[in-house]
Protein backbone atom coordinates (compact mmCIF):
# COMPACT_ATOMS: atom_id res chain seq x y z
CA MET A 1 20.77 0.85 -32.21
CA PRO A 2 20.24 0.50 -28.43
CA ARG A 3 21.14 -2.79 -26.90
CA PRO A 4 18.02 -4.67 -25.69
CA SER A 5 17.52 -5.39 -22.04
CA PRO A 6 18.32 -8.93 -20.80
CA MET A 7 14.67 -9.14 -19.69
CA ASN A 8 13.48 -8.54 -23.22
CA LEU A 9 16.04 -10.91 -24.74
CA SER A 10 15.01 -13.97 -22.74
CA PRO A 11 12.01 -13.33 -20.53
CA LEU A 12 10.93 -16.18 -18.30
CA PRO A 13 7.67 -17.94 -19.10
CA ALA A 14 4.79 -17.40 -16.71
CA LEU A 15 5.60 -18.88 -13.31
CA ARG A 16 3.29 -21.65 -12.16
CA ARG A 17 3.09 -20.63 -8.55
CA PRO A 18 -0.19 -21.11 -6.70
CA PRO A 19 -2.21 -18.01 -5.83
CA LEU A 20 -1.80 -16.75 -2.28
CA HIS A 21 -5.48 -16.40 -1.41
CA ALA A 22 -4.93 -15.74 2.30
CA CYS A 23 -2.72 -12.76 1.43
CA THR A 24 -5.49 -11.42 -0.78
CA GLY A 25 -7.95 -11.71 2.11
CA LEU A 26 -5.46 -9.93 4.33
CA ARG A 27 -5.67 -6.90 2.05
CA PHE A 28 -9.28 -6.35 3.09
CA PHE A 29 -8.38 -6.02 6.76
CA ALA A 30 -5.48 -3.73 5.87
CA ALA A 31 -7.88 -1.49 3.95
CA LEU A 32 -10.42 -1.72 6.78
CA GLY A 33 -7.74 -0.48 9.18
CA VAL A 34 -7.29 2.68 7.09
CA VAL A 35 -11.07 3.10 6.84
CA ALA A 36 -11.45 2.81 10.62
CA TYR A 37 -8.69 5.36 11.16
CA HIS A 38 -10.38 7.90 8.88
CA PHE A 39 -13.97 7.20 9.93
CA TYR A 40 -13.69 7.00 13.71
CA CYS A 41 -13.61 10.25 15.67
CA PRO A 42 -12.35 9.64 19.28
CA PRO A 43 -14.03 12.67 20.92
CA CYS A 44 -17.28 12.23 18.95
CA GLU A 45 -20.41 10.35 19.94
CA PRO A 46 -21.22 7.56 20.27
CA SER A 47 -17.81 6.67 21.65
CA GLY A 48 -16.58 3.10 21.46
CA PRO A 49 -14.72 1.07 24.08
CA SER A 50 -11.18 2.29 24.68
CA PHE A 51 -9.60 -0.87 23.26
CA LEU A 52 -11.47 -0.41 19.98
CA ALA A 53 -10.59 3.26 19.88
CA ASN A 54 -6.90 2.34 20.23
CA LEU A 55 -7.14 -0.18 17.39
CA PHE A 56 -9.00 2.26 15.14
CA GLN A 57 -6.48 5.05 15.75
CA ALA A 58 -3.66 2.69 14.77
CA GLY A 59 -5.35 1.84 11.47
CA PHE A 60 -3.07 4.09 9.43
CA THR A 61 -0.12 1.76 10.13
CA THR A 62 -1.55 -0.86 7.76
CA VAL A 63 -0.26 1.27 4.89
CA SER A 64 3.11 -0.32 5.79
CA LEU A 65 1.49 -3.74 5.42
CA PHE A 66 0.29 -2.75 1.93
CA PHE A 67 3.80 -1.68 0.88
CA ILE A 68 5.43 -4.86 2.19
CA LEU A 69 2.73 -7.05 0.65
CA SER A 70 3.09 -5.25 -2.69
CA GLY A 71 6.81 -6.05 -2.85
CA PHE A 72 6.20 -9.64 -1.73
CA ILE A 73 3.48 -10.37 -4.30
CA LEU A 74 5.34 -8.74 -7.20
CA ALA A 75 8.46 -10.76 -6.40
CA TYR A 76 6.35 -13.90 -6.11
CA ASN A 77 4.65 -13.34 -9.46
CA TYR A 78 7.40 -11.79 -11.58
CA LEU A 79 10.83 -12.90 -10.37
CA GLY A 80 12.62 -16.18 -10.92
CA GLU A 81 14.05 -17.85 -7.86
CA ARG A 82 17.64 -17.47 -9.09
CA GLY A 83 17.33 -14.62 -11.56
CA GLY A 84 15.08 -13.71 -14.45
CA PHE A 85 11.94 -11.70 -14.98
CA VAL A 86 8.56 -12.93 -16.17
CA GLY A 87 7.46 -11.28 -19.42
CA THR A 88 8.70 -8.01 -20.82
CA LEU A 89 8.90 -4.52 -19.41
CA GLY A 90 5.94 -3.56 -21.58
CA ASP A 91 3.85 -6.42 -20.19
CA PHE A 92 4.72 -5.46 -16.63
CA TYR A 93 4.00 -1.75 -16.92
CA ARG A 94 0.81 -2.39 -18.87
CA ALA A 95 -0.40 -4.72 -16.12
CA ARG A 96 0.44 -2.12 -13.47
CA PHE A 97 -1.40 0.59 -15.39
CA ALA A 98 -4.42 -1.69 -15.75
CA ARG A 99 -4.27 -2.44 -12.04
CA ILE A 100 -4.17 1.18 -10.89
CA TYR A 101 -5.85 3.55 -13.29
CA PRO A 102 -9.48 2.44 -13.91
CA ILE A 103 -10.56 2.80 -10.28
CA TYR A 104 -8.15 5.68 -9.72
CA LEU A 105 -9.71 7.77 -12.47
CA LEU A 106 -13.18 6.99 -11.13
CA ALA A 107 -12.07 8.03 -7.64
CA LEU A 108 -10.78 11.34 -9.03
CA VAL A 109 -14.10 11.99 -10.76
CA VAL A 110 -16.01 11.19 -7.57
CA ASP A 111 -13.72 13.46 -5.58
CA LEU A 112 -13.78 16.33 -8.11
CA PRO A 113 -16.59 18.35 -6.42
CA LEU A 114 -14.71 18.10 -3.11
CA PHE A 115 -11.52 19.24 -4.84
CA VAL A 116 -13.34 22.23 -6.35
CA HIS A 117 -14.77 23.05 -2.93
CA TRP A 118 -11.29 22.99 -1.41
CA ILE A 119 -10.00 25.31 -4.15
CA ARG A 120 -12.71 27.83 -3.31
CA GLN A 121 -12.11 27.60 0.44
CA ALA A 122 -8.29 27.52 0.40
CA ASN A 123 -6.53 30.11 2.55
CA PRO A 124 -4.33 31.52 1.18
CA ALA A 125 -6.26 31.34 -2.06
CA ALA A 126 -5.16 28.74 -4.57
CA THR A 127 -3.73 30.26 -7.72
CA PRO A 128 -4.56 28.87 -11.20
CA GLY A 129 -0.96 27.71 -11.43
CA GLU A 130 -1.22 25.80 -8.16
CA VAL A 131 -4.49 24.17 -9.23
CA ALA A 132 -2.95 23.15 -12.56
CA HIS A 133 0.14 21.83 -10.79
CA ILE A 134 -1.92 19.75 -8.34
CA SER A 135 -4.09 18.42 -11.18
CA VAL A 136 -1.16 17.38 -13.37
CA THR A 137 0.79 15.74 -10.55
CA THR A 138 -2.32 13.91 -9.36
CA LEU A 139 -3.09 12.54 -12.82
CA THR A 140 0.52 11.46 -13.30
CA LEU A 141 0.87 9.95 -9.79
CA THR A 142 3.70 12.27 -8.84
CA GLN A 143 1.82 14.24 -6.15
CA SER A 144 3.72 12.72 -3.23
CA TRP A 145 6.98 14.20 -4.42
CA LEU A 146 5.57 17.53 -3.25
CA GLU A 147 5.39 18.81 0.29
CA LEU A 148 1.98 17.77 1.54
CA GLY A 149 1.31 21.02 3.36
CA ARG A 150 -1.88 21.65 1.38
CA PRO A 151 -4.55 19.05 0.58
CA THR A 152 -4.44 17.27 -2.75
CA TRP A 153 -7.04 15.94 -5.13
CA ASN A 154 -8.06 12.69 -3.38
CA ASN A 155 -5.89 12.54 -0.28
CA MET A 156 -5.92 8.73 -0.25
CA ALA A 157 -3.91 8.65 -3.49
CA TRP A 158 -0.56 9.65 -2.00
CA THR A 159 0.18 5.94 -1.51
CA LEU A 160 -0.38 5.34 -5.23
CA SER A 161 2.30 7.91 -5.93
CA ALA A 162 4.66 5.82 -3.81
CA GLU A 163 3.49 2.61 -5.52
CA ALA A 164 4.09 4.12 -8.95
CA PHE A 165 7.66 4.87 -7.87
CA PHE A 166 8.05 1.29 -6.66
CA TYR A 167 6.68 -0.08 -9.94
CA ALA A 168 9.11 2.03 -11.95
CA LEU A 169 12.04 0.53 -10.03
CA PHE A 170 10.77 -3.02 -9.62
CA PRO A 171 11.92 -4.65 -12.89
CA PHE A 172 15.48 -3.41 -12.41
CA LEU A 173 15.78 -3.64 -8.65
CA GLY A 174 13.93 -6.96 -8.63
CA LEU A 175 16.17 -8.49 -11.29
CA TRP A 176 19.25 -7.49 -9.27
CA LEU A 177 17.79 -8.85 -6.03
CA SER A 178 16.82 -12.13 -7.68
CA ARG A 179 20.50 -12.76 -8.52
CA GLN A 180 21.66 -12.34 -4.92
CA ARG A 181 22.41 -15.23 -2.61
CA SER A 182 19.85 -15.97 0.07
CA GLY A 183 22.20 -14.85 2.84
CA ARG A 184 22.68 -11.52 1.14
CA LEU A 185 18.91 -11.14 0.69
CA VAL A 186 18.48 -11.55 4.44
CA PHE A 187 21.13 -8.89 4.97
CA ILE A 188 19.40 -6.52 2.51
CA ALA A 189 16.00 -7.13 4.13
CA VAL A 190 17.34 -6.31 7.59
CA GLY A 191 19.17 -3.29 6.19
CA ALA A 192 15.97 -2.04 4.50
CA TRP A 193 14.08 -2.37 7.78
CA LEU A 194 16.76 -0.48 9.71
CA LEU A 195 16.96 2.20 7.03
CA GLY A 196 13.19 2.71 7.14
CA ALA A 197 13.31 2.96 10.93
CA SER A 198 16.27 5.35 10.89
CA PHE A 199 14.08 8.32 9.91
CA ALA A 200 11.89 7.69 12.94
CA VAL A 201 14.89 7.22 15.23
CA ALA A 202 16.28 10.55 14.02
CA ALA A 203 12.92 12.22 14.67
CA GLU A 204 12.92 10.88 18.24
CA LEU A 205 16.40 12.33 18.82
CA VAL A 206 15.68 15.75 17.32
CA PRO A 207 13.96 17.23 20.46
CA THR A 208 17.11 16.49 22.47
CA LEU A 209 19.34 18.60 20.21
CA ALA A 210 20.96 21.68 21.68
CA ALA A 211 20.17 25.13 20.36
CA ASP A 212 23.67 25.43 18.91
CA ALA A 213 23.43 22.14 17.07
CA SER A 214 26.55 20.74 15.45
CA LEU A 215 26.82 19.77 11.80
CA VAL A 216 26.04 16.15 12.71
CA GLU A 217 22.97 17.19 14.69
CA ARG A 218 21.73 19.38 11.84
CA GLY A 219 22.20 16.43 9.51
CA LEU A 220 20.19 14.27 11.90
CA TYR A 221 17.41 16.84 11.88
CA THR A 222 17.40 16.96 8.07
CA TRP A 223 17.26 13.15 7.91
CA SER A 224 14.28 13.12 10.28
CA GLN A 225 12.40 15.55 8.01
CA LEU A 226 12.83 13.61 4.76
CA PRO A 227 9.63 11.55 5.10
CA LEU A 228 7.69 14.83 5.16
CA GLN A 229 9.24 15.92 1.86
CA LEU A 230 9.99 12.83 -0.26
CA ILE A 231 7.45 10.19 0.61
CA PRO A 232 8.14 7.63 -2.18
CA PRO A 233 11.89 7.14 -1.47
CA THR A 234 11.37 7.03 2.29
CA ARG A 235 8.76 4.27 1.95
CA LEU A 236 10.91 2.27 -0.47
CA PRO A 237 12.57 0.25 2.36
CA GLU A 238 9.21 -1.37 3.18
CA PHE A 239 8.74 -2.37 -0.45
CA VAL A 240 12.30 -3.73 -0.70
CA LEU A 241 11.75 -5.71 2.49
CA GLY A 242 8.69 -7.29 0.87
CA MET A 243 10.62 -8.12 -2.31
CA CYS A 244 13.40 -9.82 -0.34
CA LEU A 245 10.86 -11.83 1.65
CA GLY A 246 9.07 -12.85 -1.55
CA LEU A 247 12.29 -14.15 -3.11
CA LEU A 248 13.32 -15.95 0.07
CA PHE A 249 9.86 -17.48 0.29
CA CYS A 250 10.13 -18.83 -3.26
CA ARG A 251 13.55 -20.33 -2.47
CA ARG A 252 12.52 -22.17 0.66
CA THR A 253 13.31 -25.87 0.28
CA THR A 254 10.97 -27.32 2.92
CA PRO A 255 7.43 -26.06 3.44
CA GLY A 256 7.52 -26.75 7.18
CA SER A 257 4.61 -27.64 9.42
CA GLU A 258 1.24 -26.02 8.87
CA SER A 259 0.35 -26.45 12.53
CA ARG A 260 3.49 -24.59 13.60
CA ARG A 261 2.75 -21.76 11.19
CA THR A 262 -0.79 -21.56 12.52
CA VAL A 263 0.39 -21.33 16.12
CA ALA A 264 3.02 -18.78 15.11
CA LEU A 265 0.40 -16.71 13.30
CA PHE A 266 -1.91 -16.72 16.31
CA GLY A 267 1.01 -15.63 18.44
CA THR A 268 2.00 -12.86 16.03
CA PHE A 269 -1.56 -11.54 15.87
CA GLY A 270 -1.71 -11.67 19.66
CA VAL A 271 1.52 -9.68 20.04
CA LEU A 272 0.35 -7.15 17.45
CA ILE A 273 -3.03 -6.57 19.09
CA ALA A 274 -1.51 -6.44 22.58
CA LEU A 275 0.97 -3.79 21.44
CA LEU A 276 -1.74 -1.67 19.86
CA LEU A 277 -3.88 -1.92 22.99
CA TRP A 278 -1.01 -1.29 25.39
CA LEU A 279 0.69 1.56 23.55
CA PRO A 280 -0.79 5.06 23.42
CA PRO A 281 -3.22 5.72 20.51
CA LYS A 282 -1.68 6.56 17.14
CA PRO A 283 1.61 4.65 17.27
CA SER A 284 4.65 6.82 16.66
CA PRO A 285 6.66 6.41 13.43
CA LEU A 286 9.33 4.66 15.49
CA VAL A 287 6.84 2.05 16.72
CA GLN A 288 5.37 1.68 13.24
CA MET A 289 8.68 1.18 11.45
CA GLY A 290 10.68 -0.44 14.22
CA VAL A 291 8.10 -2.82 15.69
CA LEU A 292 4.97 -3.15 13.55
CA VAL A 293 6.73 -3.54 10.19
CA PRO A 294 8.55 -6.77 11.25
CA LEU A 295 5.27 -8.13 12.62
CA PHE A 296 3.49 -7.33 9.35
CA ALA A 297 6.28 -9.05 7.41
CA LEU A 298 6.01 -12.16 9.60
CA ILE A 299 2.23 -12.30 9.15
CA ILE A 300 2.61 -12.17 5.35
CA TRP A 301 5.27 -14.90 5.40
CA LEU A 302 3.18 -17.23 7.58
CA LEU A 303 -0.02 -16.71 5.58
CA ALA A 304 1.79 -17.28 2.28
CA GLY A 305 3.22 -20.54 3.62
CA GLY A 306 -0.26 -21.76 4.52
CA VAL A 307 -2.04 -22.00 7.83
CA ALA A 308 -5.03 -24.01 9.02
CA TRP A 309 -8.70 -23.30 8.24
CA GLN A 310 -8.04 -21.73 4.84
CA GLY A 311 -5.55 -19.27 6.25
CA LEU A 312 -7.77 -18.63 9.29
CA LYS A 313 -10.55 -18.09 6.71
CA LEU A 314 -8.59 -15.26 5.05
CA GLY A 315 -8.32 -17.53 2.00
CA SER A 316 -12.05 -18.25 1.87
CA ARG A 317 -14.01 -17.09 -1.15
CA PRO A 318 -15.85 -14.23 0.62
CA LEU A 319 -12.65 -12.75 2.01
CA VAL A 320 -10.77 -13.22 -1.25
CA LEU A 321 -13.57 -11.24 -2.89
CA LEU A 322 -13.33 -8.55 -0.22
CA GLY A 323 -9.56 -8.49 -0.65
CA GLY A 324 -9.96 -7.99 -4.38
CA ALA A 325 -12.35 -5.11 -3.74
CA SER A 326 -10.10 -3.54 -1.11
CA TYR A 327 -8.40 -1.22 -3.62
CA ALA A 328 -11.70 0.46 -4.51
CA LEU A 329 -12.62 0.61 -0.82
CA TYR A 330 -9.32 2.27 0.01
CA LEU A 331 -9.53 4.90 -2.71
CA LEU A 332 -13.19 5.84 -2.37
CA HIS A 333 -13.95 5.64 1.35
CA GLY A 334 -12.67 9.15 2.10
CA SER A 335 -14.84 10.79 -0.56
CA MET A 336 -17.86 8.77 0.53
CA MET A 337 -17.38 9.86 4.13
CA ASN A 338 -17.13 13.53 3.14
CA TYR A 339 -20.37 13.32 1.14
CA ALA A 340 -22.10 11.41 3.96
CA LEU A 341 -21.07 14.02 6.53
CA ALA A 342 -22.29 16.83 4.27
CA LEU A 343 -25.65 15.09 3.86
CA ASN A 344 -25.84 14.43 7.58
CA THR A 345 -25.20 18.09 8.40
CA ARG A 346 -28.00 19.21 6.10
CA SER A 347 -30.62 16.55 6.75
CA LEU A 348 -30.01 13.90 9.41
CA SER A 349 -27.95 15.37 12.26
CA LEU A 350 -26.75 11.97 13.44
CA PRO A 351 -23.65 11.68 15.67
CA HIS A 352 -20.43 11.44 13.66
CA ASN A 353 -19.54 7.90 14.67
CA ALA A 354 -23.08 6.73 13.93
CA VAL A 355 -22.68 8.01 10.37
CA ALA A 356 -19.34 6.21 10.14
CA LEU A 357 -20.81 2.95 11.40
CA LEU A 358 -23.69 3.10 8.93
CA LEU A 359 -21.39 3.98 6.05
CA VAL A 360 -18.91 1.10 6.44
CA PRO A 361 -21.18 -1.65 4.99
CA VAL A 362 -22.31 0.73 2.24
CA ALA A 363 -18.69 1.49 1.30
CA VAL A 364 -17.82 -2.21 1.29
CA ALA A 365 -20.83 -3.05 -0.91
CA VAL A 366 -19.97 -0.27 -3.36
CA SER A 367 -16.36 -1.48 -3.56
CA ILE A 368 -17.50 -5.02 -4.39
CA LEU A 369 -19.83 -3.70 -7.10
CA LEU A 370 -17.04 -1.60 -8.62
CA PHE A 371 -14.63 -4.52 -8.44
CA HIS A 372 -17.00 -6.72 -10.45
CA ARG A 373 -18.44 -4.15 -12.85
CA LEU A 374 -15.50 -1.81 -13.48
CA GLU A 375 -12.13 -2.86 -12.07
CA GLU A 376 -11.93 -6.44 -13.35
CA PRO A 377 -13.51 -5.76 -16.79
CA ALA A 378 -11.33 -2.68 -17.38
CA ARG A 379 -8.19 -4.51 -16.31
CA GLY A 380 -8.97 -7.40 -18.64
CA TRP A 381 -9.74 -5.06 -21.52
CA LEU A 382 -6.51 -3.07 -21.10
CA ARG A 383 -4.40 -6.21 -20.94
CA HIS A 384 -6.16 -7.73 -23.95
CA MET A 385 -5.66 -4.53 -25.91
CA GLY A 386 -1.95 -4.65 -25.14
CA ARG A 387 -1.66 -8.28 -26.24
CA SER A 388 -3.57 -7.56 -29.45
CA ARG A 389 -1.25 -4.70 -30.34
CA ARG A 390 1.83 -6.83 -29.68
CA LEU A 391 0.51 -9.65 -31.86
CA ALA A 392 -0.31 -7.17 -34.62
CA LYS A 393 3.25 -5.82 -34.55
CA THR A 394 4.69 -9.35 -34.59
CA GLU A 395 2.59 -10.29 -37.62
CA GLY A 396 3.63 -7.06 -39.33
CA VAL A 397 7.30 -7.96 -38.91
CA ARG A 398 6.68 -11.30 -40.57
């Protein structure tokens, strides 16, 4: 008989930690950054001011913020300050499934006509085996383990493939991290950041390699290419950084001054915006991992600790609602834009960026509707079904 896991032997009771509303509101702006990146076309009309164009073209970097925030929130909700895991493995994975799949399956259905269109237009032609392979890996959230040379069914979902990998590791990696001393957690967090940046550093060095590259140089080149081949493992450092920060946050002994955190947050936002305006559009991977990731981590830490004016209004009810709906917005905005552009080509003939501007409020409204009518009810139903089955098994044992 297999020996039960320590988590299943003595799971911690639910932790009574207050919700981090400002971090929920932050999710909306992270999702909006990705939307702006995909919607805005720099050479298209009407063109926006250059500073806005720079910010929009840097929107893809907020994916890093999502990964860090995911690790932070999971550590905050599921890990004891000095070891232990809340609930059982079954509870955790059921909650993750309920969090991801209802809206994900809807997004795949919405995107299905676009996927079929791509299959018909693919050059070289997509074989039945390739279509089946893409379909299976998409449904099982393993699509990002493939080389992304050809489009996939719902291109936004590659991050969910990475998240699924993080979720699979979290109970085990999180339990180990929760037993580490605070000093070691700081060391691991810094190491995770440096490891994540090392791929980008290697990529910057690759163009300087000689034609007759040595073994070390060839290894450096291979290391620089890994993010293009194995996305989930190469994004794991950001998630681990978030987990370490979440544990360190829970262990802090003094809350500190709210006014100081507020000033620090204003300063961090100012540095972040100044960098994005000063640097060329589309920050390089080195800038993203080496510079923006620490700034994102600091923003999360400060907001979680509490800042003035309801977390600069990020913790207000409207923004908490928008943050809750951000998952649907993230997954569906690409499909909605493709359909809007197709309609515009046939009927309206508006400039591209005008279509994008008109679509943003529509996409946000649809995401809120789906959050209320599908995501929350489905999540509650799936969790209730899991609890009912567990109770039925317990009564059967008696």
